[in-house]
Protein backbone atom coordinates (compact mmCIF):
# COMPACT_ATOMS: atom_id res chain seq x y z
CA MET A 1 95.47 123.71 161.23
CA ARG A 2 93.24 122.94 164.17
CA PRO A 3 95.05 124.27 167.24
CA VAL A 4 94.17 122.80 170.59
CA LEU A 5 93.45 125.50 173.13
CA ARG A 6 94.72 124.78 176.60
CA SER A 7 96.04 126.60 179.63
CA ALA A 8 98.12 125.71 182.66
CA LEU A 9 99.43 127.07 185.96
CA PHE A 10 103.02 128.27 185.76
CA LEU A 11 104.88 131.02 187.60
CA SER A 12 107.69 133.18 186.28
CA THR A 13 110.76 134.02 188.33
CA VAL A 14 111.90 136.73 185.94
CA SER A 15 111.66 140.26 187.29
CA VAL A 16 110.77 142.92 184.74
CA ALA A 17 111.38 146.65 185.12
CA VAL A 18 108.41 148.72 184.02
CA ALA A 19 108.14 152.34 183.07
CA ALA A 20 106.26 154.45 185.55
CA CYS A 21 103.14 155.97 184.07
CA ASN A 22 99.52 156.53 184.93
CA ASP A 23 96.08 156.41 183.47
CA GLY A 24 95.38 160.06 184.14
CA PRO A 25 93.90 162.68 181.81
CA LYS A 26 93.92 161.59 178.18
CA PRO A 27 93.37 163.42 174.93
CA ALA A 28 89.83 163.48 173.64
CA PRO A 29 88.54 159.98 172.79
CA THR A 30 89.39 158.89 169.30
CA ALA A 31 86.66 157.47 167.10
CA PRO A 32 87.31 154.07 165.51
CA VAL A 33 89.42 154.38 162.37
CA ARG A 34 89.60 151.75 159.68
CA ALA A 35 93.09 150.89 158.48
CA PRO A 36 94.01 152.26 155.05
CA GLY A 37 92.99 150.29 151.97
CA GLY A 38 94.96 147.12 151.42
CA ILE A 39 95.95 146.80 155.07
CA ASN A 40 94.42 143.99 157.12
CA ALA A 41 92.58 143.13 153.93
CA SER A 42 91.84 139.52 154.77
CA LEU A 43 90.58 140.17 158.30
CA ALA A 44 88.68 143.45 158.65
CA LEU A 45 89.93 145.34 161.72
CA THR A 46 89.43 148.86 162.97
CA CYS A 47 91.63 151.07 165.10
CA ASP A 48 89.85 152.04 168.30
CA ILE A 49 92.19 153.30 171.03
CA ASN A 50 89.46 153.20 173.66
CA THR A 51 88.81 149.52 172.95
CA LEU A 52 92.54 148.83 172.94
CA ARG A 53 92.90 150.48 176.35
CA SER A 54 89.91 148.60 177.76
CA ASN A 55 91.21 145.25 176.53
CA ALA A 56 94.68 145.95 177.89
CA LYS A 57 93.25 146.81 181.31
CA ALA A 58 91.51 143.44 181.36
CA TYR A 59 94.77 141.57 180.77
CA VAL A 60 97.56 143.66 182.30
CA GLY A 61 97.55 143.63 186.10
CA PRO A 62 99.11 146.96 187.18
CA TYR A 63 97.93 148.70 184.00
CA ASN A 64 98.32 152.27 185.26
CA SER A 65 101.98 151.72 186.15
CA ASP A 66 102.86 149.45 183.25
CA ALA A 67 104.75 150.56 180.16
CA ILE A 68 101.89 149.36 177.98
CA SER A 69 99.77 152.23 179.27
CA THR A 70 102.31 154.78 178.06
CA ILE A 71 102.58 153.02 174.69
CA ILE A 72 98.82 153.14 174.17
CA GLY A 73 98.77 156.79 175.21
CA ASN A 74 101.44 157.60 172.64
CA MET A 75 99.48 155.73 169.98
CA GLN A 76 96.44 157.87 170.78
CA LYS A 77 98.49 161.02 170.23
CA VAL A 78 99.21 159.97 166.63
CA SER A 79 95.90 158.23 166.02
CA GLY A 80 95.13 157.86 162.32
CA ASP A 81 98.80 158.00 161.33
CA PHE A 82 99.45 154.31 160.76
CA ALA A 83 103.11 154.88 159.86
CA ALA A 84 103.63 156.39 163.31
CA MET A 85 101.37 153.94 165.16
CA THR A 86 102.93 150.76 163.71
CA PRO A 87 106.29 150.90 165.55
CA LEU A 88 104.46 151.84 168.74
CA GLY A 89 102.16 148.89 168.17
CA PHE A 90 105.15 146.55 167.94
CA ASP A 91 106.41 148.06 171.21
CA GLY A 92 103.02 147.22 172.71
CA LEU A 93 103.04 143.64 171.40
CA ALA A 94 106.57 143.13 172.73
CA ARG A 95 105.47 144.38 176.13
CA LEU A 96 102.41 142.14 176.01
CA ALA A 97 104.74 139.15 175.45
CA VAL A 98 106.57 140.07 178.67
CA VAL A 99 103.32 140.39 180.59
CA ARG A 100 102.18 136.99 179.30
CA GLY A 101 105.08 135.29 181.07
CA ASP A 102 105.05 137.18 184.39
CA PRO A 103 102.34 136.64 187.03
CA THR A 104 103.26 139.94 188.71
CA LEU A 105 102.29 141.76 185.53
CA LYS A 106 99.41 139.72 184.19
CA LYS A 107 96.02 140.36 185.78
CA SER A 108 94.81 137.53 187.99
CA GLY A 109 92.32 135.40 186.11
CA ALA A 110 93.12 136.88 182.69
CA THR A 111 92.65 134.36 179.90
CA ALA A 112 94.33 133.63 176.59
CA ALA A 113 91.23 134.96 174.83
CA GLN A 114 91.57 138.27 176.69
CA GLY A 115 95.23 138.47 175.70
CA ALA A 116 94.26 137.75 172.10
CA ALA A 117 91.79 140.64 172.23
CA VAL A 118 94.63 142.99 173.15
CA VAL A 119 96.69 141.68 170.23
CA THR A 120 93.86 142.18 167.76
CA SER A 121 93.23 145.71 169.05
CA PHE A 122 96.89 146.62 168.56
CA LEU A 123 96.93 145.16 165.05
CA GLY A 124 93.91 147.20 164.06
CA CYS A 125 96.09 150.28 164.51
CA MET A 126 99.11 148.90 162.65
CA ASN A 127 100.23 148.38 159.08
CA VAL A 128 101.12 144.67 159.00
CA GLY A 129 99.70 143.63 155.65
CA ALA A 130 96.81 141.23 155.18
CA ILE A 131 95.91 139.27 158.30
CA PRO A 132 94.81 135.66 157.66
CA ASP A 133 91.18 134.85 158.39
CA SER A 134 92.39 132.09 160.74
CA PHE A 135 94.20 134.61 162.94
CA PRO A 136 91.51 135.06 165.63
CA THR A 137 91.53 131.33 166.44
CA HIS A 138 95.27 130.89 166.08
CA ILE A 139 96.22 133.84 168.28
CA VAL A 140 94.14 132.50 171.17
CA ALA A 141 96.09 129.24 170.92
CA ALA A 142 99.37 131.17 170.71
CA MET A 143 98.54 133.17 173.85
CA GLY A 144 97.63 130.00 175.75
CA SER A 145 99.72 127.30 177.36
CA GLY A 146 102.24 125.76 174.99
CA GLY A 147 101.92 128.65 172.56
CA MET A 148 104.49 131.13 171.25
CA PHE A 149 104.02 134.90 171.17
CA GLU A 150 107.08 137.11 170.75
CA VAL A 151 108.39 140.13 168.85
CA PRO A 152 111.92 138.86 168.09
CA THR A 153 114.83 141.20 168.66
CA GLY A 154 118.61 141.02 168.36
CA SER A 155 119.79 137.42 168.17
CA THR A 156 117.72 136.24 171.13
CA PRO A 157 115.87 132.95 170.55
CA VAL A 158 112.11 132.84 171.03
CA TYR A 159 110.18 129.98 172.60
CA SER A 160 106.76 128.60 173.30
CA ARG A 161 105.79 128.93 176.95
CA GLY A 162 104.14 126.92 179.68
CA GLU A 163 104.78 123.31 178.67
CA THR A 164 107.60 120.90 177.93
CA PRO A 165 108.85 119.94 175.51
CA PHE A 166 108.85 123.44 174.11
CA TRP A 167 109.49 124.76 170.60
CA GLY A 168 111.94 127.50 169.69
CA ALA A 169 113.31 129.60 166.85
CA GLN A 170 116.52 131.56 166.46
CA PRO A 171 118.58 133.33 163.77
CA GLU A 172 121.53 131.48 162.30
CA THR A 173 124.83 131.87 164.15
CA GLY A 174 126.20 135.36 163.66
CA ALA A 175 122.90 136.72 162.32
CA THR A 176 120.15 138.71 163.99
CA TRP A 177 116.40 138.80 163.51
CA ALA A 178 116.79 142.23 161.94
CA SER A 179 119.28 140.92 159.39
CA SER A 180 116.83 138.15 158.54
CA THR A 181 113.94 140.44 157.66
CA ASN A 182 115.07 144.08 158.05
CA LYS A 183 111.69 144.76 159.66
CA ARG A 184 109.99 144.04 162.97
CA PHE A 185 107.47 141.24 163.05
CA LEU A 186 105.38 139.17 165.41
CA MET A 187 106.18 135.46 165.63
CA TYR A 188 103.42 133.31 167.05
CA GLY A 189 102.69 129.62 167.07
CA PHE A 190 100.83 126.76 168.69
CA LYS A 191 100.94 123.01 169.09
CA ILE A 192 98.97 121.02 166.57
CA GLU A 193 97.85 117.47 165.85
CA TYR A 194 100.43 116.97 163.12
CA ASP A 195 99.38 113.47 162.12
CA LYS A 196 95.76 114.54 161.81
CA ASP A 197 96.29 117.84 160.03
CA ASN A 198 99.17 116.81 157.79
CA GLY A 199 98.44 113.34 156.49
CA GLY A 200 101.50 113.37 154.24
CA VAL A 201 103.98 112.75 157.07
CA LEU A 202 105.15 109.14 156.90
CA ASP A 203 108.02 108.88 159.37
CA PRO A 204 107.30 108.03 163.02
CA VAL A 205 106.46 111.24 164.87
CA LEU A 206 107.94 111.86 168.30
CA ASN A 207 105.43 112.65 171.07
CA ASN A 208 102.97 110.24 169.47
CA ALA A 209 101.71 109.39 172.93
CA THR A 210 99.87 112.69 172.72
CA SER A 211 97.89 114.18 169.88
CA LEU A 212 99.83 117.45 170.16
CA ASN A 213 102.93 116.25 168.37
CA GLY A 214 103.67 119.15 166.05
CA PHE A 215 103.95 122.92 166.01
CA GLU A 216 102.93 125.62 163.59
CA TYR A 217 105.02 128.77 163.36
CA LYS A 218 103.44 131.92 161.92
CA THR A 219 104.40 135.56 161.52
CA LEU A 220 102.80 138.95 161.06
CA PRO A 221 103.53 140.46 158.65
CA VAL A 222 103.40 137.14 156.82
CA ILE A 223 106.94 136.29 155.76
CA GLY A 224 107.99 134.67 152.54
CA THR A 225 106.03 135.61 149.43
CA THR A 226 106.19 138.48 146.99
CA SER A 227 102.63 139.44 147.86
CA THR A 228 103.47 140.08 151.51
CA THR A 229 105.26 142.83 153.37
CA LEU A 230 108.36 140.82 154.29
CA ALA A 231 110.56 138.61 152.09
CA ALA A 232 111.71 135.14 153.11
CA PHE A 233 114.14 134.85 156.01
CA ASN A 234 117.66 135.57 154.81
CA PRO A 235 119.85 134.38 156.46
CA GLN A 236 117.64 131.42 157.24
CA VAL A 237 116.14 130.76 160.64
CA THR A 238 116.62 127.66 162.76
CA ILE A 239 113.58 126.09 164.41
CA GLY A 240 113.36 123.12 166.73
CA ILE A 241 112.18 121.51 169.91
CA CYS A 242 113.77 121.40 173.39
CA ASP A 243 113.45 119.21 176.47
CA ILE A 244 112.58 116.07 174.61
CA ALA A 245 113.82 112.50 174.82
CA ALA A 246 115.36 112.56 171.38
CA PRO A 247 117.39 109.68 169.92
CA SER A 248 120.21 110.43 167.52
CA SER A 249 117.91 109.75 164.57
CA ALA A 250 115.48 112.53 165.55
CA ARG A 251 115.10 115.24 162.93
CA ILE A 252 112.62 117.97 162.00
CA TYR A 253 110.00 117.27 159.34
CA HIS A 254 108.98 120.43 157.50
CA SER A 255 107.24 121.14 154.19
CA GLY A 256 107.15 117.47 153.23
CA ALA A 257 110.81 116.72 153.90
CA VAL A 258 113.22 115.71 156.63
CA LEU A 259 115.73 118.52 157.16
CA ALA A 260 119.44 118.53 157.91
CA GLY A 261 120.37 118.76 161.58
CA LYS A 262 121.52 121.82 163.43
CA THR A 263 121.62 122.72 167.14
CA ILE A 264 119.21 125.16 168.71
CA THR A 265 119.86 127.05 171.94
CA CYS A 266 117.39 125.96 174.61
CA ALA A 267 116.24 128.18 177.45
CA SER A 268 116.97 126.97 180.97
CA PRO A 269 114.73 126.72 182.86
CA ALA A 270 111.94 126.18 180.37
CA PRO A 271 109.97 129.37 179.54
CA VAL A 272 106.88 129.71 181.71
CA LEU A 273 103.42 131.14 181.28
CA ALA A 274 101.61 133.24 183.87
CA SER A 275 98.16 131.66 184.24
CA VAL A 276 95.60 130.69 186.84
CA ASP A 277 93.89 127.91 184.96
CA ALA A 278 94.40 124.21 185.63
CA PRO A 279 96.38 122.13 183.15
CA VAL A 280 94.35 120.12 180.70
CA GLY A 281 95.93 117.16 178.87
CA GLY A 282 99.15 117.77 177.00
CA PHE A 283 102.63 116.42 177.55
CA ALA A 284 102.55 116.13 181.34
CA SER A 285 102.23 112.33 181.26
CA VAL A 286 105.32 111.83 179.07
CA ALA A 287 108.77 111.33 180.64
CA TRP A 288 111.29 113.72 179.08
CA LEU A 289 115.04 113.83 179.47
CA ALA A 290 116.05 116.98 181.30
CA ARG A 291 117.68 119.69 179.19
CA LYS A 292 118.11 117.50 176.13
CA ALA A 293 117.76 119.46 172.92
CA LEU A 294 116.76 117.93 169.63
CA SER A 295 119.06 118.71 166.74
CA VAL A 296 117.12 120.96 164.41
CA PHE A 297 117.43 122.49 161.08
CA ALA A 298 118.62 125.15 158.85
CA PRO A 299 118.36 123.51 155.46
CA GLN A 300 121.03 123.06 152.85
CA PRO A 301 120.53 125.28 149.79
CA LEU A 302 117.54 123.98 147.84
CA ASN A 303 116.96 121.16 150.33
CA ALA A 304 113.22 121.01 150.91
CA THR A 305 113.18 124.82 151.11
CA ALA A 306 113.16 124.24 154.87
CA LEU A 307 112.88 127.71 156.30
CA VAL A 308 113.09 129.63 153.06
CA VAL A 309 109.35 129.91 153.25
CA GLY A 310 106.96 130.60 150.42
CA ILE A 311 108.50 128.08 148.01
CA ALA A 312 107.35 124.60 149.02
CA GLY A 313 103.58 124.57 149.19
CA GLY A 314 103.34 128.28 148.41
CA ARG A 315 102.15 129.02 151.94
CA GLY A 316 104.09 132.24 152.33
CA GLU A 317 104.55 131.59 156.02
CA LEU A 318 106.35 129.15 158.29
CA SER A 319 104.90 125.71 157.70
CA PRO A 320 103.72 123.11 160.21
CA THR A 321 106.59 121.20 161.76
CA ALA A 322 107.05 117.90 163.57
CA ALA A 323 109.90 115.98 165.17
CA VAL A 324 110.34 112.57 163.57
CA LEU A 325 112.53 109.49 163.81
CA ALA A 326 114.37 109.75 160.51
CA THR A 327 116.20 107.19 158.40
CA LEU A 328 118.14 107.57 155.17
CA THR A 329 117.76 104.66 152.75
CA PRO A 330 119.29 104.87 149.26
CA THR A 331 118.13 102.21 146.78
CA PHE A 332 119.25 101.40 143.24
CA VAL A 333 116.12 101.74 141.12
CA SER A 334 118.15 101.17 137.96
CA GLN A 335 120.91 98.62 138.58
CA PRO A 336 124.16 98.71 136.58
CA THR A 337 124.50 96.28 133.66
CA ASN A 338 127.55 94.92 131.88
CA GLY A 339 129.41 97.46 129.75
CA PHE A 340 132.71 98.56 128.26
CA VAL A 341 135.72 100.53 129.49
CA GLY A 342 135.29 104.27 129.01
CA LYS A 343 131.61 103.97 128.02
CA PRO A 344 128.72 105.12 130.25
CA ILE A 345 127.37 102.23 132.28
CA VAL A 346 123.75 101.60 131.32
CA GLY A 347 121.23 100.70 133.98
CA THR A 348 118.40 98.18 133.94
CA ALA A 349 115.93 101.04 133.46
CA GLY A 350 117.76 103.87 131.71
CA PRO A 351 120.84 105.37 133.36
CA VAL A 352 122.05 104.02 136.69
CA SER A 353 119.84 105.75 139.26
CA VAL A 354 119.44 105.85 143.02
CA LEU A 355 116.29 106.66 144.99
CA VAL A 356 116.88 108.27 148.39
CA LYS A 357 114.03 108.06 150.90
CA SER A 358 113.36 107.19 154.51
CA ALA A 359 112.36 103.69 155.52
CA ALA A 360 108.81 105.01 155.80
CA GLY A 361 108.83 106.53 152.33
CA THR A 362 109.64 110.22 152.80
CA LEU A 363 111.64 111.42 149.78
CA TYR A 364 114.93 113.28 150.17
CA ARG A 365 115.13 116.00 147.53
CA ASN A 366 118.22 117.95 146.48
CA ILE A 367 120.57 115.69 148.39
CA GLN A 368 123.95 114.65 146.98
CA VAL A 369 124.66 111.01 146.16
CA THR A 370 128.18 109.75 145.48
CA ILE A 371 128.98 106.49 143.71
CA SER A 372 132.13 104.52 144.51
CA VAL A 373 133.25 101.55 142.41
CA ALA A 374 134.90 98.46 143.94
CA ASN A 375 136.34 95.41 142.21
CA ASN A 376 135.86 91.81 143.26
CA SER A 377 138.58 92.09 145.89
CA GLY A 378 136.96 95.16 147.42
CA THR A 379 139.50 97.65 146.12
CA ASN A 380 138.09 100.95 144.92
CA VAL A 381 138.83 101.97 141.35
CA ALA A 382 138.58 105.35 139.66
CA ALA A 383 135.28 106.34 138.05
CA SER A 384 133.90 109.48 136.45
CA GLY A 385 130.37 110.90 136.47
CA ALA A 386 129.95 109.51 139.97
CA VAL A 387 128.26 112.45 141.76
CA ALA A 388 124.64 113.52 141.31
CA THR A 389 121.83 115.26 143.20
CA THR A 390 118.35 113.92 143.77
CA GLY A 391 115.44 115.65 142.06
CA ASN A 392 111.93 116.30 143.32
CA ASP A 393 111.24 112.59 142.94
CA GLY A 394 114.13 111.71 145.25
CA VAL A 395 116.08 110.08 142.40
CA ALA A 396 119.70 110.81 141.45
CA LEU A 397 120.66 109.94 137.86
CA PHE A 398 124.15 108.91 136.70
CA PRO A 399 124.02 108.99 132.88
CA ASN A 400 127.79 109.50 132.51
CA LEU A 401 129.09 106.98 135.03
CA THR A 402 132.17 105.31 133.49
CA VAL A 403 134.96 102.95 134.63
CA ASN A 404 138.33 102.95 132.85
CA LYS A 405 139.51 99.46 133.72
CA ALA A 406 138.08 96.07 132.85
CA GLY A 407 136.86 93.81 135.63
CA GLY A 408 133.96 92.76 137.80
CA TYR A 409 132.51 95.51 140.00
CA THR A 410 129.85 96.65 142.41
CA LEU A 411 128.72 100.22 143.02
CA THR A 412 128.14 101.74 146.42
CA ALA A 413 125.77 104.70 146.59
CA SER A 414 126.50 106.88 149.63
CA THR A 415 124.61 109.91 150.85
CA SER A 416 124.21 112.01 153.99
CA LEU A 417 121.71 114.58 155.17
CA ASP A 418 124.12 115.75 157.86
CA ALA A 419 127.00 114.30 159.86
CA GLY A 420 124.65 112.20 161.97
CA LEU A 421 122.31 110.85 159.31
CA THR A 422 123.94 108.84 156.53
CA GLY A 423 123.07 105.90 154.32
CA SER A 424 124.59 103.63 151.69
CA LYS A 425 123.60 100.80 149.37
CA VAL A 426 125.61 98.29 147.32
CA SER A 427 124.50 97.44 143.79
CA ASP A 428 124.35 94.14 141.97
CA LEU A 429 127.57 92.80 140.46
CA PHE A 430 128.36 93.80 136.86
CA ASN A 431 131.27 93.42 134.44
CA VAL A 432 133.20 95.96 132.41
CA GLN A 433 135.06 94.69 129.32
CA ASN A 434 137.71 96.27 127.15
CA LYS A 435 136.37 98.01 124.10
CA LYS A 436 135.68 95.84 121.09
């Protein structure tokens, strides 16, 4: 991904209570300590409390009275004990996320790069598994305008900040972030040029008036593969976009597939970012419908793997995502031919088969297709073997489709991704005769 780094002027109206503390006498300075073997293996980091404190002072406005000062002090007391420092580090990252959105807490003039330096300093003192080599660039984008930086907790949704439309993520209804992973993690993300970085997307992408028409979600520890600290989200997580002029056909495109619709809770007002820099480019020139949320996705089982990460593409982390104008177009790729009562109907190319794709060519995998049979007067007749699921090629096969009454018929292939996105197609006419 090539994130676009930008910043903008936004003010937060949220008041945040902070723990009283000071930057008084400290234990003796701690020498830099490298994380234990196997930790932060991809990106070499060291744990240096003095550097962490210095970076935090450059980003946090009232550092001496902010809770982050106490957190760093407590980390110094257990310096070298990564098991003890890791939960404190997550406390520090969570506090940093609060500071990022509040101009009364963030130091005047502090930049996304300075915030990213604080993040990296914390991570050097934490056990979060291997950190991707791309992290230094990506975390600057995440800390900037339009980026996401949160330590999820409870069932509270998390959002990108500073621009609209804005992207979000939340646990499924009734679930919590803890039940999804059983461990704390950092979720970060940034807007991307989806068309440019993911050439496989075929359906029309919303926000195409701007290059920043997609979003990439990431986590630390990386979630979703057996080689990482955390397993895939279970229950699954819903992701989506808010404050966007979204027609009823709008859906989320993820891991090479259009996903089934689900509603996401949108923050109101839109989450803001404390910054002093002027806005550069972005979505400001696009007219958005106020408070309109795009229906977004938790996938059906096996459908495109959606948010069960680490399967499609083997990324082991949340994949790039875009909002698209979706269509559902079933097509008979093997039309029915004349046959006999009680015998499987043979198609023009093997068994009767139906390809399910969008008008632009995106395949729908693992989606159910149902065949109905109608006679010449339009009356449905009973059939067996009439339900199948599409494979990785988007094709559903019906090798055992049979009709038990002679006559002239057409087939109708019907399918739906969700209640709002359906499609059907009528076959050519064919005849069924009584057995010889």
